[in-house]
Amino acid sequence: MREKKEKLIINGNEIYEIDMDCVKSKQDRAGRKTRQSQTPKKQNGKARRNSSPPQS
């Protein structure tokens, strides 16, 4: 059996053709981005300097 690669959506007079391979790849990229943002980032040993001038 062949897997469908496109999906048609009919909305009144409008017809949309969705490429399912493209949808899957976008979901994969979004999943990777979400997983990367959930992992804690390493901090370097340097302290951040305050860029504002000292107050008197």
Protein backbone atom coordinates (compact mmCIF):
# COMPACT_ATOMS: atom_id res chain seq x y z
CA MET A 1 0.00 0.00 0.00
CA ARG A 2 1.32 3.45 -0.94
CA GLU A 3 1.60 6.17 1.67
CA LYS A 4 -0.15 9.44 0.87
CA LYS A 5 2.27 12.30 0.34
CA GLU A 6 -0.32 15.04 -0.14
CA LYS A 7 -3.54 16.05 1.54
CA LEU A 8 -6.30 18.10 -0.07
CA ILE A 9 -8.35 20.52 1.99
CA ILE A 10 -11.45 21.98 0.35
CA ASN A 11 -12.95 25.06 1.98
CA GLY A 12 -15.78 26.48 -0.15
CA ASN A 13 -14.17 27.57 -3.43
CA GLU A 14 -10.65 27.28 -2.03
CA ILE A 15 -8.55 24.14 -2.44
CA TYR A 16 -5.31 23.63 -0.50
CA GLU A 17 -2.79 20.89 -1.20
CA ILE A 18 -0.64 20.07 1.82
CA ASP A 19 2.70 18.31 1.35
CA MET A 20 2.82 15.82 4.23
CA ASP A 21 6.61 15.35 3.96
CA CYS A 22 7.03 19.10 4.53
CA VAL A 23 4.65 19.03 7.51
CA LYS A 24 6.56 16.14 9.06
CA SER A 25 9.94 17.84 8.63
CA LYS A 26 8.59 21.06 10.21
CA GLN A 27 7.26 19.10 13.17
CA ASP A 28 10.62 17.36 13.56
CA ARG A 29 12.47 20.70 13.53
CA ALA A 30 10.02 22.20 16.05
CA GLY A 31 10.47 19.19 18.32
CA ARG A 32 14.25 19.50 18.20
CA LYS A 33 14.06 23.22 18.94
CA THR A 34 11.78 22.57 21.93
CA ARG A 35 14.07 19.86 23.29
CA GLN A 36 17.12 22.12 22.90
CA SER A 37 15.46 24.98 24.79
CA GLN A 38 14.58 22.63 27.67
CA THR A 39 18.19 21.54 28.27
CA PRO A 40 20.13 23.80 30.66
CA LYS A 41 22.94 25.76 29.06
CA LYS A 42 26.46 25.67 30.45
CA GLN A 43 27.64 28.86 32.09
CA ASN A 44 31.17 30.00 31.61
CA GLY A 45 33.20 30.83 34.71
CA LYS A 46 33.35 34.55 33.96
CA ALA A 47 31.14 36.92 35.91
CA ARG A 48 29.08 39.35 33.89
CA ARG A 49 30.08 42.96 34.18
CA ASN A 50 27.46 45.59 34.82
CA SER A 51 27.58 48.02 31.91
CA SER A 52 25.95 50.88 33.85
CA PRO A 53 28.25 53.45 35.52
CA PRO A 54 28.68 53.25 39.28
CA GLN A 55 26.17 55.24 41.27
CA SER A 56 27.26 57.70 44.00
